[in-house]
Amino acid sequence: MADEQEMYWLKSMQFQVQQKDKEIADLLVIIDTLQTNMRSVSTYVPEDKIKEITTRSYNWSLNWRPGQDKS
């Protein structure tokens, strides 16, 4: 009986990991799309106003890549 419970638990954990992997992949696509959109929109900002939008968080957002924040 314990073996069956362990197998069920293991399969459940594997399924959860797969779901999280899919979720992470989806989020990476969203981040990439948003970065692309930010770059596109910034080309329409007049040169004299560009400093108003290029904040630290704006630059961090544009330059962020998966895995760079791992400790």
PDB file of N, CA and C in Angstrom:
ATOM      1  N   MET A   1       0.814  -1.196   0.000  1.00  0.00           N
ATOM      2  CA  MET A   1       0.000   0.000   0.000  1.00  0.00           C
ATOM      3  C   MET A   1       0.862   1.267   0.000  1.00  0.00           C
ATOM      4  N   ALA A   2       1.933   1.242   0.771  1.00  0.00           N
ATOM      5  CA  ALA A   2       2.809   2.412   0.840  1.00  0.00           C
ATOM      6  C   ALA A   2       3.462   2.677  -0.510  1.00  0.00           C
ATOM      7  N   ASP A   3       3.821   1.597  -1.231  1.00  0.00           N
ATOM      8  CA  ASP A   3       4.421   1.767  -2.552  1.00  0.00           C
ATOM      9  C   ASP A   3       3.461   2.440  -3.520  1.00  0.00           C
ATOM     10  N   GLU A   4       2.180   2.081  -3.438  1.00  0.00           N
ATOM     11  CA  GLU A   4       1.176   2.696  -4.305  1.00  0.00           C
ATOM     12  C   GLU A   4       1.021   4.174  -3.978  1.00  0.00           C
ATOM     13  N   GLN A   5       1.043   4.494  -2.705  1.00  0.00           N
ATOM     14  CA  GLN A   5       0.935   5.894  -2.290  1.00  0.00           C
ATOM     15  C   GLN A   5       2.158   6.689  -2.738  1.00  0.00           C
ATOM     16  N   GLU A   6       3.322   6.087  -2.621  1.00  0.00           N
ATOM     17  CA  GLU A   6       4.543   6.756  -3.053  1.00  0.00           C
ATOM     18  C   GLU A   6       4.535   6.986  -4.567  1.00  0.00           C
ATOM     19  N   MET A   7       4.072   6.003  -5.309  1.00  0.00           N
ATOM     20  CA  MET A   7       3.990   6.140  -6.765  1.00  0.00           C
ATOM     21  C   MET A   7       3.004   7.243  -7.142  1.00  0.00           C
ATOM     22  N   TYR A   8       1.863   7.281  -6.461  1.00  0.00           N
ATOM     23  CA  TYR A   8       0.875   8.322  -6.717  1.00  0.00           C
ATOM     24  C   TYR A   8       1.472   9.692  -6.414  1.00  0.00           C
ATOM     25  N   TRP A   9       2.149   9.801  -5.281  1.00  0.00           N
ATOM     26  CA  TRP A   9       2.780  11.059  -4.886  1.00  0.00           C
ATOM     27  C   TRP A   9       3.829  11.471  -5.909  1.00  0.00           C
ATOM     28  N   LEU A  10       4.657  10.528  -6.344  1.00  0.00           N
ATOM     29  CA  LEU A  10       5.696  10.815  -7.322  1.00  0.00           C
ATOM     30  C   LEU A  10       5.093  11.289  -8.644  1.00  0.00           C
ATOM     31  N   LYS A  11       4.073  10.597  -9.122  1.00  0.00           N
ATOM     32  CA  LYS A  11       3.414  10.999 -10.372  1.00  0.00           C
ATOM     33  C   LYS A  11       2.774  12.376 -10.231  1.00  0.00           C
ATOM     34  N   SER A  12       2.206  12.633  -9.086  1.00  0.00           N
ATOM     35  CA  SER A  12       1.601  13.935  -8.827  1.00  0.00           C
ATOM     36  C   SER A  12       2.660  15.038  -8.862  1.00  0.00           C
ATOM     37  N   MET A  13       3.798  14.782  -8.247  1.00  0.00           N
ATOM     38  CA  MET A  13       4.882  15.759  -8.242  1.00  0.00           C
ATOM     39  C   MET A  13       5.436  15.976  -9.660  1.00  0.00           C
ATOM     40  N   GLN A  14       5.576  14.911 -10.419  1.00  0.00           N
ATOM     41  CA  GLN A  14       6.059  15.023 -11.794  1.00  0.00           C
ATOM     42  C   GLN A  14       5.092  15.850 -12.634  1.00  0.00           C
ATOM     43  N   PHE A  15       3.802  15.627 -12.453  1.00  0.00           N
ATOM     44  CA  PHE A  15       2.801  16.397 -13.179  1.00  0.00           C
ATOM     45  C   PHE A  15       2.889  17.873 -12.811  1.00  0.00           C
ATOM     46  N   GLN A  16       3.038  18.159 -11.525  1.00  0.00           N
ATOM     47  CA  GLN A  16       3.146  19.547 -11.082  1.00  0.00           C
ATOM     48  C   GLN A  16       4.386  20.225 -11.658  1.00  0.00           C
ATOM     49  N   VAL A  17       5.481  19.500 -11.719  1.00  0.00           N
ATOM     50  CA  VAL A  17       6.710  20.043 -12.307  1.00  0.00           C
ATOM     51  C   VAL A  17       6.497  20.343 -13.789  1.00  0.00           C
ATOM     52  N   GLN A  18       5.850  19.442 -14.492  1.00  0.00           N
ATOM     53  CA  GLN A  18       5.563  19.669 -15.913  1.00  0.00           C
ATOM     54  C   GLN A  18       4.681  20.907 -16.101  1.00  0.00           C
ATOM     55  N   GLN A  19       3.685  21.054 -15.241  1.00  0.00           N
ATOM     56  CA  GLN A  19       2.798  22.217 -15.324  1.00  0.00           C
ATOM     57  C   GLN A  19       3.583  23.501 -15.074  1.00  0.00           C
ATOM     58  N   LYS A  20       4.468  23.483 -14.101  1.00  0.00           N
ATOM     59  CA  LYS A  20       5.279  24.667 -13.796  1.00  0.00           C
ATOM     60  C   LYS A  20       6.234  24.973 -14.948  1.00  0.00           C
ATOM     61  N   ASP A  21       6.807  23.942 -15.557  1.00  0.00           N
ATOM     62  CA  ASP A  21       7.682  24.147 -16.709  1.00  0.00           C
ATOM     63  C   ASP A  21       6.927  24.808 -17.858  1.00  0.00           C
ATOM     64  N   LYS A  22       5.698  24.378 -18.093  1.00  0.00           N
ATOM     65  CA  LYS A  22       4.869  24.982 -19.146  1.00  0.00           C
ATOM     66  C   LYS A  22       4.548  26.432 -18.810  1.00  0.00           C
ATOM     67  N   GLU A  23       4.248  26.672 -17.550  1.00  0.00           N
ATOM     68  CA  GLU A  23       3.923  28.027 -17.106  1.00  0.00           C
ATOM     69  C   GLU A  23       5.134  28.949 -17.288  1.00  0.00           C
ATOM     70  N   ILE A  24       6.302  28.473 -16.923  1.00  0.00           N
ATOM     71  CA  ILE A  24       7.532  29.257 -17.085  1.00  0.00           C
ATOM     72  C   ILE A  24       7.782  29.549 -18.558  1.00  0.00           C
ATOM     73  N   ALA A  25       7.604  28.565 -19.412  1.00  0.00           N
ATOM     74  CA  ALA A  25       7.797  28.770 -20.854  1.00  0.00           C
ATOM     75  C   ALA A  25       6.835  29.830 -21.381  1.00  0.00           C
ATOM     76  N   ASP A  26       5.584  29.785 -20.940  1.00  0.00           N
ATOM     77  CA  ASP A  26       4.604  30.790 -21.356  1.00  0.00           C
ATOM     78  C   ASP A  26       5.001  32.181 -20.882  1.00  0.00           C
ATOM     79  N   LEU A  27       5.462  32.270 -19.647  1.00  0.00           N
ATOM     80  CA  LEU A  27       5.878  33.567 -19.117  1.00  0.00           C
ATOM     81  C   LEU A  27       7.087  34.120 -19.866  1.00  0.00           C
ATOM     82  N   LEU A  28       8.001  33.258 -20.255  1.00  0.00           N
ATOM     83  CA  LEU A  28       9.158  33.722 -21.033  1.00  0.00           C
ATOM     84  C   LEU A  28       8.729  34.267 -22.388  1.00  0.00           C
ATOM     85  N   VAL A  29       7.734  33.659 -22.999  1.00  0.00           N
ATOM     86  CA  VAL A  29       7.203  34.173 -24.268  1.00  0.00           C
ATOM     87  C   VAL A  29       6.565  35.543 -24.051  1.00  0.00           C
ATOM     88  N   ILE A  30       5.818  35.679 -22.964  1.00  0.00           N
ATOM     89  CA  ILE A  30       5.191  36.966 -22.661  1.00  0.00           C
ATOM     90  C   ILE A  30       6.249  38.039 -22.448  1.00  0.00           C
ATOM     91  N   ILE A  31       7.287  37.727 -21.689  1.00  0.00           N
ATOM     92  CA  ILE A  31       8.359  38.689 -21.433  1.00  0.00           C
ATOM     93  C   ILE A  31       9.017  39.104 -22.742  1.00  0.00           C
ATOM     94  N   ASP A  32       9.319  38.152 -23.588  1.00  0.00           N
ATOM     95  CA  ASP A  32       9.954  38.449 -24.871  1.00  0.00           C
ATOM     96  C   ASP A  32       9.056  39.356 -25.716  1.00  0.00           C
ATOM     97  N   THR A  33       7.766  39.059 -25.741  1.00  0.00           N
ATOM     98  CA  THR A  33       6.824  39.876 -26.513  1.00  0.00           C
ATOM     99  C   THR A  33       6.761  41.297 -25.966  1.00  0.00           C
ATOM    100  N   LEU A  34       6.696  41.432 -24.656  1.00  0.00           N
ATOM    101  CA  LEU A  34       6.646  42.763 -24.050  1.00  0.00           C
ATOM    102  C   LEU A  34       7.928  43.549 -24.310  1.00  0.00           C
ATOM    103  N   GLN A  35       9.078  42.881 -24.235  1.00  0.00           N
ATOM    104  CA  GLN A  35      10.337  43.566 -24.536  1.00  0.00           C
ATOM    105  C   GLN A  35      10.355  44.062 -25.976  1.00  0.00           C
ATOM    106  N   THR A  36       9.891  43.234 -26.900  1.00  0.00           N
ATOM    107  CA  THR A  36       9.835  43.624 -28.308  1.00  0.00           C
ATOM    108  C   THR A  36       8.914  44.819 -28.492  1.00  0.00           C
ATOM    109  N   ASN A  37       7.763  44.772 -27.836  1.00  0.00           N
ATOM    110  CA  ASN A  37       6.821  45.895 -27.935  1.00  0.00           C
ATOM    111  C   ASN A  37       7.388  47.177 -27.340  1.00  0.00           C
ATOM    112  N   MET A  38       8.104  47.052 -26.240  1.00  0.00           N
ATOM    113  CA  MET A  38       8.723  48.242 -25.640  1.00  0.00           C
ATOM    114  C   MET A  38       9.750  48.856 -26.581  1.00  0.00           C
ATOM    115  N   ARG A  39      10.543  48.013 -27.225  1.00  0.00           N
ATOM    116  CA  ARG A  39      11.522  48.530 -28.177  1.00  0.00           C
ATOM    117  C   ARG A  39      10.839  49.231 -29.347  1.00  0.00           C
ATOM    118  N   SER A  40       9.776  48.628 -29.848  1.00  0.00           N
ATOM    119  CA  SER A  40       9.052  49.211 -30.978  1.00  0.00           C
ATOM    120  C   SER A  40       8.439  50.555 -30.613  1.00  0.00           C
ATOM    121  N   VAL A  41       7.780  50.603 -29.474  1.00  0.00           N
ATOM    122  CA  VAL A  41       7.123  51.840 -29.057  1.00  0.00           C
ATOM    123  C   VAL A  41       8.142  52.941 -28.805  1.00  0.00           C
ATOM    124  N   SER A  42       9.273  52.589 -28.245  1.00  0.00           N
ATOM    125  CA  SER A  42      10.262  53.619 -27.920  1.00  0.00           C
ATOM    126  C   SER A  42      10.799  54.316 -29.167  1.00  0.00           C
ATOM    127  N   THR A  43      10.685  53.687 -30.326  1.00  0.00           N
ATOM    128  CA  THR A  43      11.150  54.349 -31.555  1.00  0.00           C
ATOM    129  C   THR A  43      10.224  55.499 -31.950  1.00  0.00           C
ATOM    130  N   TYR A  44       9.019  55.534 -31.403  1.00  0.00           N
ATOM    131  CA  TYR A  44       8.069  56.604 -31.703  1.00  0.00           C
ATOM    132  C   TYR A  44       8.144  57.759 -30.716  1.00  0.00           C
ATOM    133  N   VAL A  45       8.927  57.607 -29.664  1.00  0.00           N
ATOM    134  CA  VAL A  45       9.069  58.663 -28.668  1.00  0.00           C
ATOM    135  C   VAL A  45      10.044  59.709 -29.219  1.00  0.00           C
ATOM    136  N   PRO A  46       9.640  60.983 -29.183  1.00  0.00           N
ATOM    137  CA  PRO A  46      10.545  62.030 -29.670  1.00  0.00           C
ATOM    138  C   PRO A  46      11.869  62.030 -28.906  1.00  0.00           C
ATOM    139  N   GLU A  47      12.921  62.373 -29.589  1.00  0.00           N
ATOM    140  CA  GLU A  47      14.271  62.356 -29.015  1.00  0.00           C
ATOM    141  C   GLU A  47      14.366  63.166 -27.720  1.00  0.00           C
ATOM    142  N   ASP A  48      13.679  64.300 -27.670  1.00  0.00           N
ATOM    143  CA  ASP A  48      13.753  65.148 -26.470  1.00  0.00           C
ATOM    144  C   ASP A  48      12.974  64.567 -25.283  1.00  0.00           C
ATOM    145  N   LYS A  49      12.178  63.533 -25.488  1.00  0.00           N
ATOM    146  CA  LYS A  49      11.396  62.915 -24.424  1.00  0.00           C
ATOM    147  C   LYS A  49      11.924  61.542 -24.011  1.00  0.00           C
ATOM    148  N   ILE A  50      12.895  61.032 -24.743  1.00  0.00           N
ATOM    149  CA  ILE A  50      13.372  59.664 -24.494  1.00  0.00           C
ATOM    150  C   ILE A  50      13.923  59.477 -23.076  1.00  0.00           C
ATOM    151  N   LYS A  51      14.554  60.511 -22.520  1.00  0.00           N
ATOM    152  CA  LYS A  51      15.105  60.391 -21.163  1.00  0.00           C
ATOM    153  C   LYS A  51      14.007  60.224 -20.112  1.00  0.00           C
ATOM    154  N   GLU A  52      12.812  60.686 -20.427  1.00  0.00           N
ATOM    155  CA  GLU A  52      11.704  60.560 -19.484  1.00  0.00           C
ATOM    156  C   GLU A  52      11.224  59.115 -19.350  1.00  0.00           C
ATOM    157  N   ILE A  53      11.413  58.314 -20.373  1.00  0.00           N
ATOM    158  CA  ILE A  53      10.953  56.919 -20.288  1.00  0.00           C
ATOM    159  C   ILE A  53      12.066  55.932 -19.993  1.00  0.00           C
ATOM    160  N   THR A  54      13.295  56.329 -20.165  1.00  0.00           N
ATOM    161  CA  THR A  54      14.392  55.382 -19.942  1.00  0.00           C
ATOM    162  C   THR A  54      14.818  55.406 -18.467  1.00  0.00           C
ATOM    163  N   THR A  55      13.937  54.898 -17.643  1.00  0.00           N
ATOM    164  CA  THR A  55      14.218  54.779 -16.210  1.00  0.00           C
ATOM    165  C   THR A  55      15.031  53.505 -15.959  1.00  0.00           C
ATOM    166  N   ARG A  56      15.454  53.335 -14.735  1.00  0.00           N
ATOM    167  CA  ARG A  56      16.216  52.137 -14.368  1.00  0.00           C
ATOM    168  C   ARG A  56      15.380  50.881 -14.618  1.00  0.00           C
ATOM    169  N   SER A  57      14.108  50.910 -14.250  1.00  0.00           N
ATOM    170  CA  SER A  57      13.265  49.727 -14.442  1.00  0.00           C
ATOM    171  C   SER A  57      12.998  49.464 -15.930  1.00  0.00           C
ATOM    172  N   TYR A  58      12.882  50.518 -16.718  1.00  0.00           N
ATOM    173  CA  TYR A  58      12.708  50.360 -18.167  1.00  0.00           C
ATOM    174  C   TYR A  58      13.934  49.656 -18.761  1.00  0.00           C
ATOM    175  N   ASN A  59      15.097  50.138 -18.408  1.00  0.00           N
ATOM    176  CA  ASN A  59      16.335  49.524 -18.923  1.00  0.00           C
ATOM    177  C   ASN A  59      16.495  48.089 -18.435  1.00  0.00           C
ATOM    178  N   TRP A  60      16.186  47.845 -17.163  1.00  0.00           N
ATOM    179  CA  TRP A  60      16.278  46.488 -16.628  1.00  0.00           C
ATOM    180  C   TRP A  60      15.325  45.575 -17.383  1.00  0.00           C
ATOM    181  N   SER A  61      14.096  46.047 -17.618  1.00  0.00           N
ATOM    182  CA  SER A  61      13.090  45.245 -18.323  1.00  0.00           C
ATOM    183  C   SER A  61      13.543  44.870 -19.724  1.00  0.00           C
ATOM    184  N   LEU A  62      14.112  45.840 -20.426  1.00  0.00           N
ATOM    185  CA  LEU A  62      14.551  45.574 -21.793  1.00  0.00           C
ATOM    186  C   LEU A  62      15.735  44.620 -21.846  1.00  0.00           C
ATOM    187  N   ASN A  63      16.581  44.692 -20.855  1.00  0.00           N
ATOM    188  CA  ASN A  63      17.827  43.919 -20.891  1.00  0.00           C
ATOM    189  C   ASN A  63      17.760  42.588 -20.156  1.00  0.00           C
ATOM    190  N   TRP A  64      16.663  42.319 -19.467  1.00  0.00           N
ATOM    191  CA  TRP A  64      16.539  41.084 -18.704  1.00  0.00           C
ATOM    192  C   TRP A  64      16.549  39.879 -19.627  1.00  0.00           C
ATOM    193  N   ARG A  65      17.276  38.854 -19.228  1.00  0.00           N
ATOM    194  CA  ARG A  65      17.330  37.583 -19.967  1.00  0.00           C
ATOM    195  C   ARG A  65      17.126  36.443 -18.985  1.00  0.00           C
ATOM    196  N   PRO A  66      16.504  35.360 -19.416  1.00  0.00           N
ATOM    197  CA  PRO A  66      16.285  34.231 -18.511  1.00  0.00           C
ATOM    198  C   PRO A  66      17.603  33.710 -17.936  1.00  0.00           C
ATOM    199  N   GLY A  67      17.594  33.465 -16.649  1.00  0.00           N
ATOM    200  CA  GLY A  67      18.760  32.877 -16.002  1.00  0.00           C
ATOM    201  C   GLY A  67      19.772  33.870 -15.477  1.00  0.00           C
ATOM    202  N   GLN A  68      19.636  35.134 -15.803  1.00  0.00           N
ATOM    203  CA  GLN A  68      20.662  36.084 -15.375  1.00  0.00           C
ATOM    204  C   GLN A  68      20.574  36.429 -13.892  1.00  0.00           C
ATOM    205  N   ASP A  69      19.424  36.217 -13.274  1.00  0.00           N
ATOM    206  CA  ASP A  69      19.245  36.559 -11.860  1.00  0.00           C
ATOM    207  C   ASP A  69      19.471  35.386 -10.928  1.00  0.00           C
ATOM    208  N   LYS A  70      19.935  34.264 -11.445  1.00  0.00           N
ATOM    209  CA  LYS A  70      20.153  33.099 -10.578  1.00  0.00           C
ATOM    210  C   LYS A  70      21.312  33.361  -9.649  1.00  0.00           C
ATOM    211  N   SER A  71      21.110  33.009  -8.393  1.00  0.00           N
ATOM    212  CA  SER A  71      22.163  33.227  -7.387  1.00  0.00           C
ATOM    213  C   SER A  71      22.967  31.966  -7.190  1.00  0.00           C
TER     214      SER A  71
END
